[in-house]
Protein backbone atom coordinates (compact mmCIF):
# COMPACT_ATOMS: atom_id res chain seq x y z
CA MET A 1 36.16 12.29 16.20
CA PHE A 2 33.71 9.65 14.60
CA PHE A 3 32.29 9.79 11.11
CA SER A 4 28.68 8.57 10.39
CA ASP A 5 28.18 6.33 7.28
CA LYS A 6 24.83 8.58 6.40
CA THR A 7 25.30 11.27 4.21
CA VAL A 8 24.32 14.56 5.72
CA LYS A 9 22.75 16.98 3.19
CA LEU A 10 23.22 20.58 4.25
CA PRO A 11 19.92 23.04 3.48
CA MET A 12 20.50 25.59 0.84
CA HIS A 13 20.00 29.22 1.80
CA PRO A 14 16.19 30.09 1.83
CA LEU A 15 17.13 33.16 -0.50
CA ARG A 16 18.71 30.96 -3.24
CA VAL A 17 16.02 28.68 -3.28
CA ARG A 18 13.51 31.34 -4.11
CA HIS A 19 15.55 33.60 -6.51
CA LEU A 20 17.32 30.79 -8.65
CA PRO A 21 14.17 29.85 -10.55
CA GLN A 22 13.00 33.37 -11.06
CA THR A 23 16.41 34.25 -12.80
CA TYR A 24 16.11 31.35 -15.13
CA LEU A 25 12.39 32.30 -15.99
CA ARG A 26 13.36 35.66 -16.85
CA TRP A 27 16.15 34.38 -19.12
CA LEU A 28 13.76 31.82 -20.76
CA MET A 29 11.02 34.47 -21.41
CA ALA A 30 13.36 36.85 -23.13
CA LEU A 31 14.95 33.88 -25.35
CA ILE A 32 11.26 33.18 -26.13
CA VAL A 33 10.83 36.75 -27.25
CA VAL A 34 13.71 36.74 -29.33
CA VAL A 35 12.97 33.70 -31.15
CA SER A 36 9.55 34.80 -31.77
CA VAL A 37 10.37 37.98 -33.48
CA TRP A 38 12.93 36.10 -35.48
CA THR A 39 10.51 33.20 -36.68
CA ILE A 40 7.08 34.64 -36.11
CA ALA A 41 7.21 38.07 -37.35
CA PRO A 42 6.24 38.35 -41.12
CA ALA A 43 9.08 39.16 -43.45
CA ALA A 44 8.67 42.86 -44.97
CA HIS A 45 8.25 43.12 -48.76
CA ALA A 46 8.39 45.91 -51.06
CA TYR A 47 4.96 47.38 -52.30
CA ASN A 48 3.80 46.01 -55.60
CA ASN A 49 0.53 46.93 -57.39
CA PRO A 50 0.80 46.23 -61.32
CA ASP A 51 -3.07 46.91 -61.39
CA LEU A 52 -2.46 50.71 -61.32
CA LEU A 53 -0.20 50.60 -64.36
CA PRO A 54 -1.63 51.95 -67.84
CA ASP A 55 -2.52 49.38 -70.39
CA HIS A 56 -0.25 51.43 -73.13
CA PRO A 57 3.15 52.74 -73.37
CA THR A 58 3.85 55.94 -71.65
CA ASN A 59 6.77 57.83 -70.15
CA VAL A 60 4.57 59.65 -67.40
CA ILE A 61 2.24 57.94 -64.93
CA ASP A 62 0.20 60.78 -63.25
CA LEU A 63 -1.94 59.04 -60.54
CA ALA A 64 -1.84 62.30 -58.25
CA ASN A 65 -3.07 64.53 -61.08
CA GLU A 66 -0.35 66.99 -60.97
CA LEU A 67 0.01 67.59 -64.55
CA THR A 68 -3.07 68.54 -67.12
CA ASN A 69 -3.68 65.93 -69.96
CA VAL A 70 -1.74 68.22 -72.31
CA GLN A 71 1.22 68.36 -70.16
CA GLU A 72 1.41 64.79 -69.67
CA GLU A 73 1.25 63.98 -73.40
CA ALA A 74 3.91 66.59 -74.22
CA LEU A 75 5.97 65.69 -71.29
CA SER A 76 5.88 61.73 -72.38
CA GLU A 77 6.69 62.89 -76.15
CA ASP A 78 9.65 65.02 -75.04
CA LEU A 79 11.21 62.27 -72.98
CA SER A 80 10.85 59.84 -75.77
CA LYS A 81 12.70 62.26 -77.84
CA PHE A 82 15.39 62.68 -75.42
CA GLU A 83 15.99 59.27 -75.01
CA THR A 84 16.40 58.51 -78.74
CA GLU A 85 18.70 61.72 -78.88
CA THR A 86 20.86 60.91 -75.87
CA GLY A 87 20.26 57.31 -74.77
CA TRP A 88 19.36 58.35 -71.22
CA LYS A 89 16.13 57.55 -69.81
CA LEU A 90 13.92 59.88 -67.87
CA ARG A 91 10.64 58.59 -66.27
CA VAL A 92 7.93 60.53 -64.25
CA LEU A 93 5.62 58.68 -61.52
CA THR A 94 3.20 61.00 -59.38
CA GLN A 95 1.47 59.18 -56.60
CA ASN A 96 -0.63 60.02 -53.51
CA ASP A 97 -2.62 57.51 -51.74
CA ARG A 98 -2.25 54.80 -54.55
CA THR A 99 1.14 53.86 -55.83
CA PRO A 100 2.15 50.98 -58.28
CA GLY A 101 5.18 50.58 -56.16
CA THR A 102 7.99 48.20 -57.59
CA ALA A 103 6.04 47.39 -60.60
CA VAL A 104 7.35 50.24 -62.46
CA LYS A 105 10.71 48.90 -62.62
CA GLN A 106 9.42 46.33 -65.00
CA PHE A 107 7.11 48.08 -66.55
CA TRP A 108 9.62 50.92 -67.78
CA GLY A 109 12.73 48.50 -67.70
CA LEU A 110 14.53 50.73 -65.24
CA ASP A 111 18.60 50.34 -65.52
CA ASN A 112 21.72 52.16 -64.52
CA LYS A 113 21.09 54.78 -67.35
CA SER A 114 17.60 55.47 -66.11
CA VAL A 115 16.20 58.26 -63.64
CA LEU A 116 12.82 58.00 -62.13
CA LEU A 117 11.26 61.17 -60.75
CA VAL A 118 8.70 60.33 -58.10
CA ALA A 119 6.46 63.08 -57.13
CA ASP A 120 4.28 62.51 -53.94
CA PRO A 121 2.92 65.47 -51.91
CA ARG A 122 2.46 63.45 -48.69
CA GLY A 123 5.99 64.18 -47.48
CA GLY A 124 7.78 67.42 -46.60
CA ASN A 125 9.40 67.60 -50.38
CA LEU A 126 7.52 66.82 -53.45
CA LEU A 127 10.09 65.49 -55.44
CA ASN A 128 12.23 62.09 -55.01
CA PHE A 129 14.71 60.80 -57.51
CA SER A 130 15.79 57.22 -58.11
CA VAL A 131 18.96 57.45 -60.21
CA GLY A 132 21.12 54.96 -62.01
CA ASP A 133 24.71 54.41 -61.17
CA GLU A 134 25.75 55.60 -64.67
CA TYR A 135 24.63 59.32 -63.87
CA TYR A 136 26.80 59.97 -60.91
CA PRO A 137 29.98 60.69 -63.01
CA LEU A 138 28.14 63.67 -64.64
CA LEU A 139 25.64 64.63 -61.83
CA SER A 140 26.85 64.09 -58.41
CA ARG A 141 24.89 63.36 -55.49
CA THR A 142 25.07 66.83 -54.23
CA PHE A 143 23.48 67.83 -57.59
CA TRP A 144 20.38 65.59 -57.08
CA ILE A 145 20.11 67.04 -53.40
CA GLU A 146 20.10 70.68 -54.56
CA LEU A 147 17.55 69.85 -57.48
CA GLN A 148 15.17 68.20 -55.01
CA THR A 149 15.56 71.16 -52.39
CA ARG A 150 15.17 73.87 -54.99
CA PHE A 151 12.23 72.44 -57.16
CA GLY A 152 10.55 70.36 -54.49
CA ASN A 153 10.57 72.42 -51.48
CA GLN A 154 6.86 73.59 -50.32
CA PHE A 155 7.51 77.42 -51.05
CA PHE A 156 8.36 76.44 -54.54
CA VAL A 157 5.42 74.22 -55.13
CA ARG A 158 3.01 76.50 -53.45
CA ASP A 159 4.25 79.71 -55.56
CA ASN A 160 4.53 77.64 -58.95
CA GLY A 161 2.41 74.36 -58.63
CA GLY A 162 3.52 70.79 -58.82
CA ASP A 163 3.33 70.59 -62.65
CA GLN A 164 6.29 73.54 -62.83
CA SER A 165 8.55 71.57 -60.01
CA ILE A 166 8.41 68.46 -62.12
CA LEU A 167 8.99 70.19 -65.32
CA GLN A 168 11.63 72.48 -64.38
CA ALA A 169 13.50 70.02 -62.45
CA LEU A 170 13.34 67.54 -65.73
CA GLU A 171 14.59 70.74 -67.68
CA SER A 172 17.70 71.03 -65.31
CA VAL A 173 18.46 67.33 -65.80
CA LYS A 174 18.14 67.15 -69.55
CA GLY A 175 20.23 70.59 -69.77
CA CYS A 176 22.97 69.02 -68.01
CA LEU A 177 22.94 65.87 -69.87
CA ARG A 178 23.34 67.50 -73.09
CA GLN A 179 26.33 69.70 -71.94
CA GLY A 180 28.13 66.53 -70.66
CA GLY A 181 27.36 66.92 -66.84
CA CYS A 182 26.88 69.80 -64.17
CA SER A 183 28.42 70.18 -60.81
CA VAL A 184 25.66 72.36 -59.44
CA VAL A 185 21.93 72.90 -60.71
CA PRO A 186 21.72 75.62 -63.27
CA GLY A 187 20.07 78.84 -62.52
CA LEU A 188 20.27 81.39 -59.63
CA PRO A 189 17.13 81.84 -57.73
CA ARG A 190 16.29 85.14 -56.31
CA GLU A 191 16.67 83.94 -52.82
CA GLN A 192 20.00 82.36 -53.37
CA TRP A 193 21.22 85.53 -55.03
CA ILE A 194 20.11 87.68 -51.93
CA LEU A 195 22.00 85.34 -49.98
CA THR A 196 25.36 85.73 -52.16
CA LEU A 197 24.88 89.59 -52.20
CA VAL A 198 24.55 89.68 -48.18
CA THR A 199 27.95 87.60 -47.82
CA SER A 200 29.58 89.92 -50.56
CA THR A 201 28.47 92.89 -48.58
CA LEU A 202 29.57 91.54 -45.21
CA GLY A 203 33.00 90.50 -46.63
CA GLY A 204 33.41 94.19 -47.83
CA VAL A 205 32.36 95.49 -44.50
CA ILE A 206 35.17 93.32 -42.69
CA CYS A 207 37.72 94.24 -45.27
CA GLY A 208 37.02 97.73 -44.88
CA PHE A 209 37.32 97.63 -40.97
CA ALA A 210 40.43 95.79 -41.22
CA ALA A 211 41.92 98.30 -43.76
CA GLN A 212 41.38 101.35 -41.46
CA PRO A 213 44.78 103.21 -40.75
CA ARG A 214 45.88 102.59 -37.38
CA LYS A 215 49.25 104.78 -37.38
CA GLU A 216 49.82 108.31 -37.93
CA GLY A 217 49.98 109.24 -41.48
CA GLN A 218 48.97 105.99 -42.65
CA VAL A 219 46.50 105.70 -45.38
CA PHE A 220 45.60 101.97 -45.72
CA ALA A 221 46.48 99.14 -43.31
CA TRP A 222 47.26 96.50 -46.02
CA GLN A 223 48.73 94.26 -43.47
CA TRP A 224 45.60 94.11 -41.43
CA ALA A 225 43.55 93.57 -44.41
CA LEU A 226 45.92 90.81 -45.54
CA ILE A 227 45.58 89.13 -41.99
CA PHE A 228 41.71 89.33 -42.28
CA SER A 229 41.85 88.20 -45.89
CA PRO A 230 40.86 84.40 -45.18
CA LEU A 231 37.65 85.73 -43.48
CA TRP A 232 36.52 88.21 -45.96
CA GLY A 233 38.00 86.47 -48.97
CA ILE A 234 35.83 83.33 -48.18
CA LEU A 235 32.51 85.56 -47.81
CA PHE A 236 33.33 87.25 -50.83
CA LEU A 237 34.51 84.71 -53.12
CA ALA A 238 33.43 81.38 -52.06
CA PHE A 239 29.88 82.47 -50.64
CA GLY A 240 29.59 85.51 -53.04
CA ILE A 241 31.06 84.94 -56.27
CA GLY A 242 31.25 81.38 -56.26
CA PRO A 243 27.76 80.19 -56.44
CA VAL A 244 27.02 83.16 -59.14
CA VAL A 245 29.53 82.29 -61.65
CA THR A 246 28.85 78.40 -61.49
CA ARG A 247 25.17 78.66 -61.81
CA THR A 248 24.68 81.37 -64.37
CA SER A 249 26.31 83.28 -67.22
CA GLU A 250 24.69 86.65 -66.54
CA TRP A 251 26.79 89.54 -65.56
CA LEU A 252 24.31 91.54 -63.68
CA PRO A 253 24.14 89.56 -60.40
CA LEU A 254 27.89 89.47 -60.58
CA PHE A 255 28.32 93.27 -60.79
CA ARG A 256 25.64 93.70 -58.12
CA ASN A 257 27.75 91.56 -55.70
CA VAL A 258 31.02 93.33 -56.60
CA ALA A 259 29.50 96.55 -56.06
CA GLY A 260 28.10 95.34 -52.76
CA PHE A 261 31.43 94.36 -51.63
CA ALA A 262 32.95 97.64 -52.68
CA ILE A 263 30.10 99.68 -51.21
CA GLY A 264 30.45 97.80 -47.67
CA ALA A 265 34.24 98.15 -47.71
CA LEU A 266 34.12 101.84 -48.59
CA VAL A 267 31.47 102.58 -45.66
CA ALA A 268 33.47 100.74 -43.25
CA PHE A 269 36.76 102.10 -44.08
CA LEU A 270 35.24 105.81 -44.11
CA ALA A 271 33.21 105.22 -41.02
CA PRO A 272 35.71 106.69 -38.34
CA SER A 273 36.23 109.87 -40.47
CA PHE A 274 32.54 110.33 -40.25
CA VAL A 275 32.60 109.80 -36.54
CA ARG A 276 35.34 112.34 -36.20
CA SER A 277 33.66 115.06 -38.14
CA SER A 278 30.35 114.69 -36.26
CA THR A 279 32.33 115.03 -33.02
CA SER A 280 34.27 118.06 -34.26
CA GLU A 281 31.11 119.93 -35.28
CA THR A 282 29.55 119.08 -31.80
């Protein structure tokens, strides 16, 4: 076999000739897009408008007009007295379309012992809180969430007004700080008490059904009541009694929940007797 001195170039496959440049082109375009996003896109900055700040010292900036002039002056004075008394700094900002943004931080000198209540009706909840780190040992994060949902929800604001939402939330915070902290928000709203009454009664019904006699001559099936005790105990003690005793010292809601548990248990326990009596009469 003889070899030629000339180099023989084999032709590439036609498909490869067409598709390789397109693949590189796609990668190049993707790289250009990523680089443009990183370098061309403007950096996000927090909103800052100090022109909306008042020209005099105050603890309340009411841009959304949630408070009357009398309420605003009284609240500002009350927050100053509270700060002098306890050392805790509470400030209030209401805003709607206009907001000073981060300018309030320097205006009020907010630090780890400060709480900024921001009332903004544009969201689903009126109240928002910016909380300093030194508050959390006394008032946990769940406290602030409960405070927001109780006084800032749309139903409370509709029935009581935005001013009462702000004032009552601040009163809860001040009361808890004066007594050295709270695990929950003080006070028992009617809706929450009704829920505790329902769970107490349901726990009683389960206990009564479990305790029904199942043997001849048996009066009370305490074994079955004990087996189901985790269920009715959680409903009665954890969801029925616990929220009441931790939020209020009044005895009437507690008495009603205990009575609801007892009535539910008695009705469920005696239900078979009523059924047998009806059947016998028939």
